[in-house]
Amino acid sequence: MPVSANMTPSEIQRMVDVNQMKHIHFGHVEILSSTGLLISLVEFRSFTTMSEVEVNQWDELSQFLFCERKFTDPVATNGALLEGFMFTIGWRKCSTKNEKFGLYGSLGKIENTKNEWWNQGENLSLVGCILGQSLRYVGDKLFQKIQTCYKSLGVPSFDQVNYEANISANQSAFKFASALTFTLNGFKNSPHLDKDASLYALGWWFQADKRTG
């Protein structure tokens, strides 16, 4: 929850009160503030309603993220973590002097599996398309707003591993973010406020076999 939400202590307490929680598991859900501001938009989709092509795409996405663990380490700075693991792929501001940005990853892991890492990178474009299409499905106007800002800044997309070689491809119809985080093993945080939370956050949740992806 971003600090800008200006939640009162009683509102924060309600977030952790089990008796105040509602189990919603189907349909289209919009959560509004007391002033009518849209806080959250949730769309439930059953795999049984998807085409075979869509189901296969989500299966490929799940296996891709499962394999990505080989090349990156879990986020170690999440103080609110209760259970599970969080990983990040894509681009970030660089902490090295005179360098502006770089890719998330574990140099030690990538150094030992360079060919496999490059082969994995070739599948990133499909991942970007799957997620971009999903965002457009839920909120096309929001997607267009995000992408307009994204393209005007000329920043690299999370689904490209070579910035210079792929900058012209940055105008793809489904590119909308520079970094992607994914979680495994029943990931959960304690209720908390983030000082650096983004204005918009997009998430997908689906079941996967933690042994195979």
N, C-alpha and C. Protein backbone atom coordinates (compact mmCIF):
# COMPACT_ATOMS: atom_id res chain seq x y z
N MET A 1 0.84 -1.19 0.00
CA MET A 1 0.00 0.00 0.00
C MET A 1 0.88 1.25 0.00
N PRO A 2 0.71 2.16 -0.97
CA PRO A 2 1.56 3.35 -1.01
C PRO A 2 1.24 4.32 0.11
N VAL A 3 2.24 5.09 0.51
CA VAL A 3 2.04 6.09 1.56
C VAL A 3 0.96 7.09 1.17
N SER A 4 0.86 7.37 -0.13
CA SER A 4 -0.10 8.36 -0.62
C SER A 4 -1.55 7.97 -0.31
N ALA A 5 -1.77 6.71 0.08
CA ALA A 5 -3.13 6.28 0.41
C ALA A 5 -3.63 6.95 1.68
N ASN A 6 -2.69 7.43 2.53
CA ASN A 6 -3.05 8.13 3.77
C ASN A 6 -4.04 7.35 4.62
N MET A 7 -3.75 6.10 4.84
CA MET A 7 -4.65 5.25 5.62
C MET A 7 -4.58 5.59 7.10
N THR A 8 -5.72 5.54 7.76
CA THR A 8 -5.78 5.79 9.20
C THR A 8 -5.38 4.52 9.94
N PRO A 9 -5.01 4.63 11.22
CA PRO A 9 -4.67 3.44 12.01
C PRO A 9 -5.79 2.41 12.03
N SER A 10 -7.04 2.87 12.10
CA SER A 10 -8.17 1.93 12.14
C SER A 10 -8.31 1.20 10.81
N GLU A 11 -8.04 1.89 9.70
CA GLU A 11 -8.11 1.25 8.38
C GLU A 11 -7.02 0.20 8.24
N ILE A 12 -5.84 0.51 8.72
CA ILE A 12 -4.74 -0.45 8.67
C ILE A 12 -5.07 -1.67 9.52
N GLN A 13 -5.69 -1.45 10.68
CA GLN A 13 -6.05 -2.55 11.56
C GLN A 13 -7.06 -3.47 10.90
N ARG A 14 -7.99 -2.90 10.14
CA ARG A 14 -8.99 -3.70 9.45
C ARG A 14 -8.35 -4.61 8.40
N MET A 15 -7.22 -4.18 7.85
CA MET A 15 -6.53 -4.98 6.83
C MET A 15 -6.05 -6.31 7.39
N VAL A 16 -5.75 -6.35 8.69
CA VAL A 16 -5.20 -7.56 9.28
C VAL A 16 -6.23 -8.31 10.13
N ASP A 17 -7.46 -7.81 10.15
CA ASP A 17 -8.53 -8.45 10.92
C ASP A 17 -9.21 -9.49 10.04
N VAL A 18 -9.03 -10.77 10.38
CA VAL A 18 -9.59 -11.86 9.58
C VAL A 18 -11.11 -11.74 9.46
N ASN A 19 -11.77 -11.27 10.49
CA ASN A 19 -13.23 -11.16 10.48
C ASN A 19 -13.73 -10.11 9.49
N GLN A 20 -12.85 -9.21 9.07
CA GLN A 20 -13.22 -8.16 8.11
C GLN A 20 -12.95 -8.58 6.67
N MET A 21 -12.29 -9.71 6.49
CA MET A 21 -11.90 -10.14 5.15
C MET A 21 -13.04 -10.86 4.44
N LYS A 22 -13.10 -10.69 3.14
CA LYS A 22 -14.11 -11.35 2.32
C LYS A 22 -13.42 -12.21 1.26
N HIS A 23 -13.89 -13.44 1.13
CA HIS A 23 -13.31 -14.36 0.15
C HIS A 23 -14.06 -14.22 -1.17
N ILE A 24 -13.39 -13.67 -2.15
CA ILE A 24 -13.99 -13.49 -3.48
C ILE A 24 -13.16 -14.31 -4.47
N HIS A 25 -13.82 -15.15 -5.25
CA HIS A 25 -13.06 -16.06 -6.11
C HIS A 25 -13.64 -16.19 -7.51
N PHE A 26 -14.47 -15.25 -7.94
CA PHE A 26 -14.99 -15.32 -9.30
C PHE A 26 -15.45 -13.94 -9.74
N GLY A 27 -15.58 -13.78 -11.06
CA GLY A 27 -16.16 -12.56 -11.61
C GLY A 27 -15.22 -11.38 -11.73
N HIS A 28 -15.83 -10.21 -11.81
CA HIS A 28 -15.14 -8.94 -11.99
C HIS A 28 -15.38 -8.10 -10.74
N VAL A 29 -14.32 -7.67 -10.08
CA VAL A 29 -14.46 -6.97 -8.80
C VAL A 29 -13.77 -5.61 -8.86
N GLU A 30 -14.48 -4.57 -8.44
CA GLU A 30 -13.90 -3.23 -8.32
C GLU A 30 -13.97 -2.80 -6.86
N ILE A 31 -12.84 -2.38 -6.30
CA ILE A 31 -12.78 -1.92 -4.92
C ILE A 31 -12.59 -0.41 -4.93
N LEU A 32 -13.52 0.30 -4.29
CA LEU A 32 -13.51 1.76 -4.31
C LEU A 32 -13.27 2.31 -2.90
N SER A 33 -12.70 3.50 -2.85
CA SER A 33 -12.53 4.19 -1.57
C SER A 33 -13.86 4.82 -1.17
N SER A 34 -13.92 5.39 0.02
CA SER A 34 -15.16 6.03 0.49
C SER A 34 -15.53 7.24 -0.35
N THR A 35 -14.55 7.78 -1.11
CA THR A 35 -14.81 8.94 -1.97
C THR A 35 -15.04 8.55 -3.42
N GLY A 36 -15.09 7.22 -3.69
CA GLY A 36 -15.35 6.76 -5.04
C GLY A 36 -14.11 6.56 -5.89
N LEU A 37 -12.93 6.68 -5.30
CA LEU A 37 -11.68 6.48 -6.05
C LEU A 37 -11.43 4.99 -6.25
N LEU A 38 -11.15 4.58 -7.48
CA LEU A 38 -10.88 3.18 -7.76
C LEU A 38 -9.53 2.79 -7.17
N ILE A 39 -9.54 1.83 -6.25
CA ILE A 39 -8.33 1.37 -5.59
C ILE A 39 -7.80 0.11 -6.25
N SER A 40 -8.71 -0.79 -6.59
CA SER A 40 -8.26 -2.07 -7.15
C SER A 40 -9.30 -2.61 -8.12
N LEU A 41 -8.81 -3.24 -9.17
CA LEU A 41 -9.65 -3.89 -10.16
C LEU A 41 -9.18 -5.33 -10.30
N VAL A 42 -10.07 -6.28 -10.06
CA VAL A 42 -9.70 -7.69 -10.08
C VAL A 42 -10.57 -8.44 -11.08
N GLU A 43 -9.94 -9.23 -11.92
CA GLU A 43 -10.66 -10.04 -12.91
C GLU A 43 -10.26 -11.49 -12.72
N PHE A 44 -11.23 -12.35 -12.41
CA PHE A 44 -10.96 -13.78 -12.27
C PHE A 44 -11.25 -14.47 -13.60
N ARG A 45 -10.31 -15.28 -14.05
CA ARG A 45 -10.51 -16.05 -15.28
C ARG A 45 -10.16 -17.51 -15.02
N SER A 46 -11.07 -18.38 -15.37
CA SER A 46 -10.84 -19.81 -15.20
C SER A 46 -10.13 -20.35 -16.43
N PHE A 47 -9.20 -21.27 -16.22
CA PHE A 47 -8.52 -21.88 -17.36
C PHE A 47 -9.51 -22.60 -18.26
N THR A 48 -10.65 -23.02 -17.69
CA THR A 48 -11.65 -23.74 -18.49
C THR A 48 -12.34 -22.82 -19.49
N THR A 49 -12.24 -21.50 -19.30
CA THR A 49 -12.86 -20.56 -20.23
C THR A 49 -11.88 -20.08 -21.30
N MET A 50 -10.62 -20.49 -21.18
CA MET A 50 -9.59 -20.04 -22.12
C MET A 50 -9.45 -21.01 -23.28
N SER A 51 -8.95 -20.49 -24.39
CA SER A 51 -8.66 -21.35 -25.53
C SER A 51 -7.42 -22.18 -25.23
N GLU A 52 -7.21 -23.21 -26.02
CA GLU A 52 -6.03 -24.05 -25.83
C GLU A 52 -4.75 -23.24 -26.00
N VAL A 53 -4.77 -22.28 -26.92
CA VAL A 53 -3.60 -21.42 -27.14
C VAL A 53 -3.28 -20.61 -25.89
N GLU A 54 -4.32 -20.02 -25.27
CA GLU A 54 -4.11 -19.22 -24.06
C GLU A 54 -3.57 -20.06 -22.91
N VAL A 55 -4.14 -21.25 -22.73
CA VAL A 55 -3.69 -22.13 -21.65
C VAL A 55 -2.22 -22.49 -21.85
N ASN A 56 -1.86 -22.80 -23.09
CA ASN A 56 -0.46 -23.15 -23.38
C ASN A 56 0.47 -21.97 -23.12
N GLN A 57 0.00 -20.75 -23.42
CA GLN A 57 0.82 -19.56 -23.18
C GLN A 57 1.10 -19.38 -21.68
N TRP A 58 0.08 -19.56 -20.86
CA TRP A 58 0.28 -19.42 -19.41
C TRP A 58 1.17 -20.53 -18.87
N ASP A 59 1.08 -21.70 -19.47
CA ASP A 59 1.96 -22.79 -19.06
C ASP A 59 3.41 -22.44 -19.40
N GLU A 60 3.62 -21.88 -20.59
CA GLU A 60 4.97 -21.47 -20.99
C GLU A 60 5.50 -20.36 -20.09
N LEU A 61 4.63 -19.42 -19.74
CA LEU A 61 5.02 -18.33 -18.85
C LEU A 61 5.45 -18.87 -17.49
N SER A 62 4.65 -19.78 -16.95
CA SER A 62 4.96 -20.36 -15.64
C SER A 62 6.30 -21.08 -15.66
N GLN A 63 6.54 -21.88 -16.69
CA GLN A 63 7.79 -22.62 -16.78
C GLN A 63 8.98 -21.69 -17.01
N PHE A 64 8.75 -20.61 -17.76
CA PHE A 64 9.82 -19.64 -17.99
C PHE A 64 10.27 -19.02 -16.68
N LEU A 65 9.31 -18.56 -15.88
CA LEU A 65 9.65 -17.93 -14.60
C LEU A 65 10.29 -18.92 -13.65
N PHE A 66 9.84 -20.16 -13.70
CA PHE A 66 10.43 -21.20 -12.86
C PHE A 66 11.90 -21.39 -13.20
N CYS A 67 12.22 -21.39 -14.49
CA CYS A 67 13.61 -21.57 -14.94
C CYS A 67 14.45 -20.33 -14.65
N GLU A 68 13.82 -19.16 -14.59
CA GLU A 68 14.55 -17.91 -14.39
C GLU A 68 15.25 -17.88 -13.03
N ARG A 69 14.82 -18.71 -12.10
CA ARG A 69 15.46 -18.77 -10.78
C ARG A 69 16.93 -19.16 -10.88
N LYS A 70 17.29 -19.83 -11.98
CA LYS A 70 18.67 -20.27 -12.15
C LYS A 70 19.63 -19.10 -12.33
N PHE A 71 19.09 -17.94 -12.73
CA PHE A 71 19.95 -16.83 -13.13
C PHE A 71 19.84 -15.60 -12.22
N THR A 72 19.04 -15.68 -11.20
CA THR A 72 18.88 -14.53 -10.30
C THR A 72 18.67 -15.02 -8.87
N ASP A 73 18.96 -14.16 -7.93
CA ASP A 73 18.80 -14.51 -6.51
C ASP A 73 17.51 -13.91 -5.96
N PRO A 74 16.94 -14.51 -4.92
CA PRO A 74 15.74 -13.94 -4.31
C PRO A 74 16.02 -12.53 -3.77
N VAL A 75 15.01 -11.67 -3.80
CA VAL A 75 15.13 -10.34 -3.22
C VAL A 75 15.39 -10.48 -1.73
N ALA A 76 16.47 -9.87 -1.26
CA ALA A 76 16.88 -10.05 0.14
C ALA A 76 16.57 -8.83 1.00
N THR A 77 15.98 -7.79 0.42
CA THR A 77 15.75 -6.54 1.17
C THR A 77 14.29 -6.33 1.54
N ASN A 78 13.48 -7.38 1.42
CA ASN A 78 12.06 -7.27 1.73
C ASN A 78 11.82 -7.56 3.21
N GLY A 79 11.82 -6.51 4.03
CA GLY A 79 11.68 -6.69 5.47
C GLY A 79 10.31 -7.17 5.90
N ALA A 80 9.30 -7.02 5.03
CA ALA A 80 7.94 -7.42 5.39
C ALA A 80 7.65 -8.89 5.05
N LEU A 81 8.63 -9.59 4.49
CA LEU A 81 8.42 -10.96 4.04
C LEU A 81 8.05 -11.89 5.19
N LEU A 82 6.99 -12.69 4.97
CA LEU A 82 6.58 -13.70 5.94
C LEU A 82 6.89 -15.11 5.44
N GLU A 83 6.70 -15.31 4.14
CA GLU A 83 6.87 -16.65 3.59
C GLU A 83 7.08 -16.57 2.08
N GLY A 84 7.81 -17.55 1.52
CA GLY A 84 8.01 -17.62 0.09
C GLY A 84 9.22 -16.84 -0.40
N PHE A 85 9.29 -16.67 -1.73
CA PHE A 85 10.43 -16.00 -2.35
C PHE A 85 9.94 -15.01 -3.40
N MET A 86 10.69 -13.92 -3.56
CA MET A 86 10.43 -12.95 -4.62
C MET A 86 11.69 -12.79 -5.47
N PHE A 87 11.50 -12.78 -6.80
CA PHE A 87 12.60 -12.59 -7.74
C PHE A 87 12.27 -11.42 -8.66
N THR A 88 13.29 -10.82 -9.25
CA THR A 88 13.10 -9.71 -10.19
C THR A 88 13.92 -9.94 -11.45
N ILE A 89 13.33 -9.65 -12.61
CA ILE A 89 14.05 -9.69 -13.88
C ILE A 89 13.80 -8.37 -14.60
N GLY A 90 14.67 -8.05 -15.54
CA GLY A 90 14.53 -6.81 -16.29
C GLY A 90 15.62 -5.81 -15.94
N TRP A 91 15.28 -4.51 -16.04
CA TRP A 91 16.25 -3.44 -15.90
C TRP A 91 16.04 -2.64 -14.61
N ARG A 92 17.13 -2.10 -14.07
CA ARG A 92 17.06 -1.28 -12.87
C ARG A 92 18.13 -0.19 -12.91
N LYS A 93 17.96 0.82 -12.07
CA LYS A 93 18.99 1.84 -11.94
C LYS A 93 20.26 1.19 -11.42
N CYS A 94 21.38 1.58 -11.99
CA CYS A 94 22.65 0.93 -11.63
C CYS A 94 23.27 1.59 -10.40
N SER A 95 23.93 0.79 -9.59
CA SER A 95 24.60 1.30 -8.39
C SER A 95 26.09 1.52 -8.63
N THR A 96 26.56 1.20 -9.84
CA THR A 96 27.97 1.38 -10.19
C THR A 96 28.21 2.79 -10.72
N LYS A 97 29.27 3.44 -10.28
CA LYS A 97 29.57 4.81 -10.69
C LYS A 97 29.67 4.92 -12.21
N ASN A 98 29.06 5.98 -12.76
CA ASN A 98 29.07 6.31 -14.19
C ASN A 98 28.28 5.32 -15.04
N GLU A 99 27.51 4.44 -14.43
CA GLU A 99 26.63 3.54 -15.18
C GLU A 99 25.19 3.88 -14.81
N LYS A 100 24.31 4.01 -15.81
CA LYS A 100 22.95 4.47 -15.55
C LYS A 100 22.00 3.34 -15.18
N PHE A 101 22.10 2.21 -15.88
CA PHE A 101 21.19 1.12 -15.58
C PHE A 101 21.80 -0.20 -16.01
N GLY A 102 21.24 -1.27 -15.50
CA GLY A 102 21.74 -2.60 -15.83
C GLY A 102 20.66 -3.64 -15.62
N LEU A 103 20.97 -4.88 -15.93
CA LEU A 103 20.01 -5.97 -15.80
C LEU A 103 20.07 -6.60 -14.42
N TYR A 104 18.91 -6.99 -13.91
CA TYR A 104 18.89 -7.80 -12.70
C TYR A 104 19.47 -9.17 -13.03
N GLY A 105 20.18 -9.76 -12.09
CA GLY A 105 20.70 -11.10 -12.30
C GLY A 105 21.85 -11.38 -11.36
N SER A 106 22.20 -12.64 -11.26
CA SER A 106 23.33 -13.07 -10.44
C SER A 106 24.50 -13.36 -11.36
N LEU A 107 25.55 -12.53 -11.28
CA LEU A 107 26.71 -12.72 -12.16
C LEU A 107 27.29 -14.12 -12.02
N GLY A 108 27.35 -14.61 -10.79
CA GLY A 108 27.91 -15.93 -10.56
C GLY A 108 27.11 -17.02 -11.25
N LYS A 109 25.80 -16.93 -11.17
CA LYS A 109 24.94 -17.93 -11.80
C LYS A 109 24.99 -17.83 -13.33
N ILE A 110 24.94 -16.60 -13.84
CA ILE A 110 24.94 -16.40 -15.29
C ILE A 110 26.28 -16.80 -15.89
N GLU A 111 27.38 -16.50 -15.20
CA GLU A 111 28.71 -16.83 -15.70
C GLU A 111 28.86 -18.32 -15.97
N ASN A 112 28.22 -19.12 -15.16
CA ASN A 112 28.33 -20.57 -15.30
C ASN A 112 27.33 -21.17 -16.29
N THR A 113 26.38 -20.37 -16.73
CA THR A 113 25.34 -20.88 -17.64
C THR A 113 25.01 -19.87 -18.73
N LYS A 114 26.04 -19.26 -19.34
CA LYS A 114 25.82 -18.18 -20.30
C LYS A 114 24.93 -18.59 -21.47
N ASN A 115 25.21 -19.74 -22.07
CA ASN A 115 24.43 -20.17 -23.23
C ASN A 115 22.97 -20.39 -22.85
N GLU A 116 22.76 -21.02 -21.71
CA GLU A 116 21.39 -21.28 -21.25
C GLU A 116 20.67 -19.96 -20.96
N TRP A 117 21.41 -18.98 -20.39
CA TRP A 117 20.82 -17.69 -20.09
C TRP A 117 20.40 -16.96 -21.36
N TRP A 118 21.24 -16.99 -22.40
CA TRP A 118 20.89 -16.35 -23.66
C TRP A 118 19.70 -17.04 -24.31
N ASN A 119 19.67 -18.37 -24.25
CA ASN A 119 18.53 -19.11 -24.80
C ASN A 119 17.25 -18.76 -24.06
N GLN A 120 17.35 -18.61 -22.75
CA GLN A 120 16.21 -18.22 -21.94
C GLN A 120 15.73 -16.83 -22.36
N GLY A 121 16.67 -15.94 -22.66
CA GLY A 121 16.32 -14.59 -23.06
C GLY A 121 15.54 -14.52 -24.35
N GLU A 122 15.73 -15.51 -25.22
CA GLU A 122 15.00 -15.53 -26.49
C GLU A 122 13.50 -15.73 -26.29
N ASN A 123 13.12 -16.27 -25.14
CA ASN A 123 11.70 -16.49 -24.85
C ASN A 123 11.04 -15.30 -24.16
N LEU A 124 11.83 -14.28 -23.84
CA LEU A 124 11.29 -13.13 -23.12
C LEU A 124 10.23 -12.37 -23.91
N SER A 125 10.38 -12.33 -25.22
CA SER A 125 9.43 -11.60 -26.05
C SER A 125 8.03 -12.18 -25.89
N LEU A 126 7.94 -13.51 -25.84
CA LEU A 126 6.64 -14.17 -25.66
C LEU A 126 6.05 -13.80 -24.30
N VAL A 127 6.90 -13.76 -23.28
CA VAL A 127 6.45 -13.40 -21.94
C VAL A 127 5.87 -11.98 -21.94
N GLY A 128 6.57 -11.05 -22.59
CA GLY A 128 6.09 -9.68 -22.66
C GLY A 128 4.74 -9.57 -23.35
N CYS A 129 4.55 -10.34 -24.42
CA CYS A 129 3.28 -10.32 -25.15
C CYS A 129 2.14 -10.87 -24.30
N ILE A 130 2.40 -11.98 -23.60
CA ILE A 130 1.36 -12.59 -22.77
C ILE A 130 0.89 -11.60 -21.70
N LEU A 131 1.83 -10.98 -21.01
CA LEU A 131 1.47 -10.07 -19.92
C LEU A 131 0.86 -8.77 -20.45
N GLY A 132 1.39 -8.28 -21.57
CA GLY A 132 0.84 -7.07 -22.16
C GLY A 132 -0.60 -7.27 -22.62
N GLN A 133 -0.87 -8.41 -23.24
CA GLN A 133 -2.23 -8.72 -23.68
C GLN A 133 -3.18 -8.82 -22.49
N SER A 134 -2.68 -9.38 -21.39
CA SER A 134 -3.51 -9.53 -20.19
C SER A 134 -3.87 -8.18 -19.60
N LEU A 135 -2.91 -7.25 -19.58
CA LEU A 135 -3.19 -5.91 -19.07
C LEU A 135 -4.21 -5.20 -19.94
N ARG A 136 -4.08 -5.35 -21.25
CA ARG A 136 -5.04 -4.72 -22.16
C ARG A 136 -6.43 -5.32 -21.98
N TYR A 137 -6.48 -6.60 -21.66
CA TYR A 137 -7.77 -7.28 -21.44
C TYR A 137 -8.50 -6.67 -20.25
N VAL A 138 -7.76 -6.36 -19.18
CA VAL A 138 -8.36 -5.82 -17.96
C VAL A 138 -8.65 -4.33 -18.09
N GLY A 139 -7.69 -3.58 -18.63
CA GLY A 139 -7.88 -2.12 -18.72
C GLY A 139 -7.10 -1.54 -19.88
N ASP A 140 -7.73 -1.47 -21.04
CA ASP A 140 -7.02 -1.02 -22.24
C ASP A 140 -6.61 0.45 -22.14
N LYS A 141 -7.47 1.30 -21.57
CA LYS A 141 -7.13 2.73 -21.46
C LYS A 141 -5.94 2.94 -20.53
N LEU A 142 -5.90 2.19 -19.43
CA LEU A 142 -4.77 2.28 -18.51
C LEU A 142 -3.50 1.81 -19.20
N PHE A 143 -3.62 0.72 -19.96
CA PHE A 143 -2.46 0.20 -20.68
C PHE A 143 -1.91 1.26 -21.64
N GLN A 144 -2.79 1.90 -22.40
CA GLN A 144 -2.37 2.91 -23.37
C GLN A 144 -1.69 4.08 -22.66
N LYS A 145 -2.22 4.48 -21.50
CA LYS A 145 -1.64 5.59 -20.74
C LYS A 145 -0.23 5.24 -20.28
N ILE A 146 -0.07 4.03 -19.75
CA ILE A 146 1.24 3.59 -19.27
C ILE A 146 2.22 3.50 -20.44
N GLN A 147 1.78 2.92 -21.55
CA GLN A 147 2.70 2.73 -22.68
C GLN A 147 3.10 4.05 -23.33
N THR A 148 2.20 5.02 -23.37
CA THR A 148 2.54 6.33 -23.92
C THR A 148 3.67 6.97 -23.13
N CYS A 149 3.57 6.92 -21.81
CA CYS A 149 4.62 7.46 -20.95
C CYS A 149 5.90 6.67 -21.12
N TYR A 150 5.76 5.36 -21.18
CA TYR A 150 6.89 4.44 -21.30
C TYR A 150 7.69 4.71 -22.58
N LYS A 151 6.99 4.85 -23.70
CA LYS A 151 7.66 5.07 -24.98
C LYS A 151 8.30 6.46 -25.04
N SER A 152 7.65 7.45 -24.44
CA SER A 152 8.20 8.81 -24.48
C SER A 152 9.53 8.90 -23.75
N LEU A 153 9.72 8.05 -22.75
CA LEU A 153 10.98 8.03 -22.00
C LEU A 153 12.06 7.22 -22.70
N GLY A 154 11.66 6.35 -23.64
CA GLY A 154 12.63 5.55 -24.38
C GLY A 154 13.38 4.54 -23.53
N VAL A 155 12.73 4.02 -22.49
CA VAL A 155 13.40 3.08 -21.60
C VAL A 155 13.29 1.65 -22.14
N PRO A 156 14.23 0.77 -21.79
CA PRO A 156 14.18 -0.61 -22.27
C PRO A 156 13.07 -1.40 -21.59
N SER A 157 12.60 -2.42 -22.26
CA SER A 157 11.57 -3.29 -21.72
C SER A 157 12.19 -4.47 -20.99
N PHE A 158 11.47 -5.03 -20.02
CA PHE A 158 12.01 -6.17 -19.27
C PHE A 158 12.25 -7.38 -20.16
N ASP A 159 11.59 -7.43 -21.33
CA ASP A 159 11.74 -8.61 -22.18
C ASP A 159 12.81 -8.44 -23.26
N GLN A 160 13.80 -7.59 -23.02
CA GLN A 160 14.96 -7.49 -23.91
C GLN A 160 16.22 -7.51 -23.06
N VAL A 161 17.21 -8.30 -23.48
CA VAL A 161 18.43 -8.44 -22.69
C VAL A 161 19.58 -7.62 -23.27
N ASN A 162 19.39 -7.03 -24.44
CA ASN A 162 20.42 -6.20 -25.06
C ASN A 162 19.79 -4.86 -25.43
N TYR A 163 20.07 -3.85 -24.66
CA TYR A 163 19.42 -2.55 -24.84
C TYR A 163 19.72 -1.94 -26.21
N GLU A 164 20.98 -1.85 -26.58
CA GLU A 164 21.36 -1.19 -27.82
C GLU A 164 20.80 -1.89 -29.05
N ALA A 165 20.84 -3.22 -29.04
CA ALA A 165 20.41 -3.98 -30.21
C ALA A 165 18.90 -3.99 -30.37
N ASN A 166 18.17 -3.74 -29.29
CA ASN A 166 16.73 -3.90 -29.35
C ASN A 166 15.95 -2.61 -29.13
N ILE A 167 16.64 -1.48 -29.13
CA ILE A 167 15.94 -0.24 -28.83
C ILE A 167 14.85 0.05 -29.85
N SER A 168 15.05 -0.32 -31.12
CA SER A 168 14.02 -0.08 -32.13
C SER A 168 12.81 -0.97 -31.91
N ALA A 169 13.04 -2.15 -31.29
CA ALA A 169 11.93 -3.06 -31.01
C ALA A 169 11.14 -2.63 -29.79
N ASN A 170 11.59 -1.55 -29.16
CA ASN A 170 10.97 -1.08 -27.93
C ASN A 170 9.57 -0.52 -28.18
N GLN A 171 9.18 -0.38 -29.44
CA GLN A 171 7.88 0.18 -29.76
C GLN A 171 6.82 -0.89 -29.96
N SER A 172 7.09 -2.12 -29.54
CA SER A 172 6.14 -3.21 -29.67
C SER A 172 4.81 -2.85 -29.02
N ALA A 173 3.74 -3.41 -29.56
CA ALA A 173 2.40 -3.09 -29.06
C ALA A 173 2.15 -3.55 -27.64
N PHE A 174 3.01 -4.44 -27.11
CA PHE A 174 2.73 -4.99 -25.79
C PHE A 174 3.80 -4.69 -24.75
N LYS A 175 4.74 -3.82 -25.06
CA LYS A 175 5.78 -3.49 -24.08
C LYS A 175 5.28 -2.37 -23.16
N PHE A 176 5.39 -2.59 -21.85
CA PHE A 176 4.80 -1.62 -20.92
C PHE A 176 5.56 -1.48 -19.61
N ALA A 177 6.66 -2.20 -19.41
CA ALA A 177 7.37 -2.12 -18.13
C ALA A 177 8.83 -2.49 -18.31
N SER A 178 9.68 -1.96 -17.44
CA SER A 178 11.12 -2.25 -17.52
C SER A 178 11.55 -3.37 -16.59
N ALA A 179 10.73 -3.70 -15.62
CA ALA A 179 11.10 -4.76 -14.68
C ALA A 179 9.87 -5.57 -14.31
N LEU A 180 10.10 -6.81 -13.93
CA LEU A 180 9.02 -7.72 -13.57
C LEU A 180 9.44 -8.51 -12.34
N THR A 181 8.60 -8.54 -11.33
CA THR A 181 8.87 -9.36 -10.15
C THR A 181 7.92 -10.55 -10.16
N PHE A 182 8.41 -11.69 -9.68
CA PHE A 182 7.54 -12.86 -9.55
C PHE A 182 7.84 -13.57 -8.25
N THR A 183 6.84 -14.23 -7.72
CA THR A 183 6.96 -14.86 -6.40
C THR A 183 6.62 -16.34 -6.48
N LEU A 184 7.14 -17.09 -5.51
CA LEU A 184 6.95 -18.54 -5.46
C LEU A 184 6.73 -18.99 -4.02
N ASN A 185 6.28 -20.24 -3.89
CA ASN A 185 6.15 -20.91 -2.58
C ASN A 185 5.22 -20.18 -1.61
N GLY A 186 4.03 -19.82 -2.08
CA GLY A 186 3.06 -19.19 -1.20
C GLY A 186 3.51 -17.87 -0.63
N PHE A 187 4.14 -17.05 -1.46
CA PHE A 187 4.70 -15.77 -1.02
C PHE A 187 3.65 -14.91 -0.32
N LYS A 188 4.05 -14.31 0.79
CA LYS A 188 3.18 -13.35 1.47
C LYS A 188 4.00 -12.39 2.32
N ASN A 189 3.50 -11.15 2.43
CA ASN A 189 4.10 -10.10 3.26
C ASN A 189 3.19 -9.78 4.43
N SER A 190 3.74 -9.18 5.45
CA SER A 190 2.91 -8.60 6.51
C SER A 190 2.38 -7.26 6.00
N PRO A 191 1.23 -6.78 6.48
CA PRO A 191 0.71 -5.47 6.05
C PRO A 191 1.75 -4.38 6.32
N HIS A 192 2.00 -3.53 5.32
CA HIS A 192 3.02 -2.51 5.48
C HIS A 192 2.80 -1.38 4.49
N LEU A 193 3.50 -0.27 4.69
CA LEU A 193 3.45 0.88 3.79
C LEU A 193 4.76 0.98 3.03
N ASP A 194 4.68 1.19 1.72
CA ASP A 194 5.87 1.34 0.90
C ASP A 194 6.07 2.81 0.54
N LYS A 195 7.25 3.33 0.83
CA LYS A 195 7.55 4.73 0.51
C LYS A 195 7.85 4.92 -0.97
N ASP A 196 8.19 3.82 -1.66
CA ASP A 196 8.55 3.93 -3.08
C ASP A 196 7.55 3.20 -3.97
N ALA A 197 6.33 3.01 -3.51
CA ALA A 197 5.33 2.27 -4.29
C ALA A 197 4.98 3.02 -5.57
N SER A 198 4.74 2.27 -6.64
CA SER A 198 4.36 2.85 -7.92
C SER A 198 2.90 3.29 -7.87
N LEU A 199 2.55 4.20 -8.76
CA LEU A 199 1.16 4.67 -8.83
C LEU A 199 0.24 3.53 -9.25
N TYR A 200 0.74 2.69 -10.18
CA TYR A 200 -0.04 1.55 -10.64
C TYR A 200 0.73 0.26 -10.38
N ALA A 201 0.02 -0.77 -10.00
CA ALA A 201 0.64 -2.09 -9.82
C ALA A 201 -0.25 -3.12 -10.50
N LEU A 202 0.36 -4.03 -11.22
CA LEU A 202 -0.38 -5.06 -11.94
C LEU A 202 0.12 -6.42 -11.48
N GLY A 203 -0.80 -7.31 -11.12
CA GLY A 203 -0.37 -8.63 -10.64
C GLY A 203 -1.20 -9.75 -11.22
N TRP A 204 -0.59 -10.90 -11.37
CA TRP A 204 -1.27 -12.12 -11.79
C TRP A 204 -1.01 -13.20 -10.75
N TRP A 205 -2.02 -13.99 -10.44
CA TRP A 205 -1.85 -15.11 -9.52
C TRP A 205 -2.39 -16.37 -10.18
N PHE A 206 -1.59 -17.41 -10.21
CA PHE A 206 -2.07 -18.69 -10.73
C PHE A 206 -1.31 -19.82 -10.06
N GLN A 207 -1.93 -20.97 -10.01
CA GLN A 207 -1.32 -22.12 -9.36
C GLN A 207 -0.29 -22.77 -10.28
N ALA A 208 0.79 -23.25 -9.68
CA ALA A 208 1.84 -23.94 -10.43
C ALA A 208 2.50 -24.96 -9.51
N ASP A 209 2.99 -26.02 -10.09
CA ASP A 209 3.71 -27.05 -9.33
C ASP A 209 5.09 -26.51 -9.00
N LYS A 210 5.40 -26.34 -7.73
CA LYS A 210 6.68 -25.75 -7.35
C LYS A 210 7.87 -26.66 -7.64
N ARG A 211 7.60 -27.90 -8.01
CA ARG A 211 8.70 -28.82 -8.36
C ARG A 211 9.11 -28.69 -9.82
N THR A 212 8.16 -28.31 -10.68
CA THR A 212 8.43 -28.30 -12.12
C THR A 212 8.09 -26.97 -12.79
N GLY A 213 7.33 -26.10 -12.12
CA GLY A 213 6.88 -24.87 -12.75
C GLY A 213 5.58 -25.04 -13.51
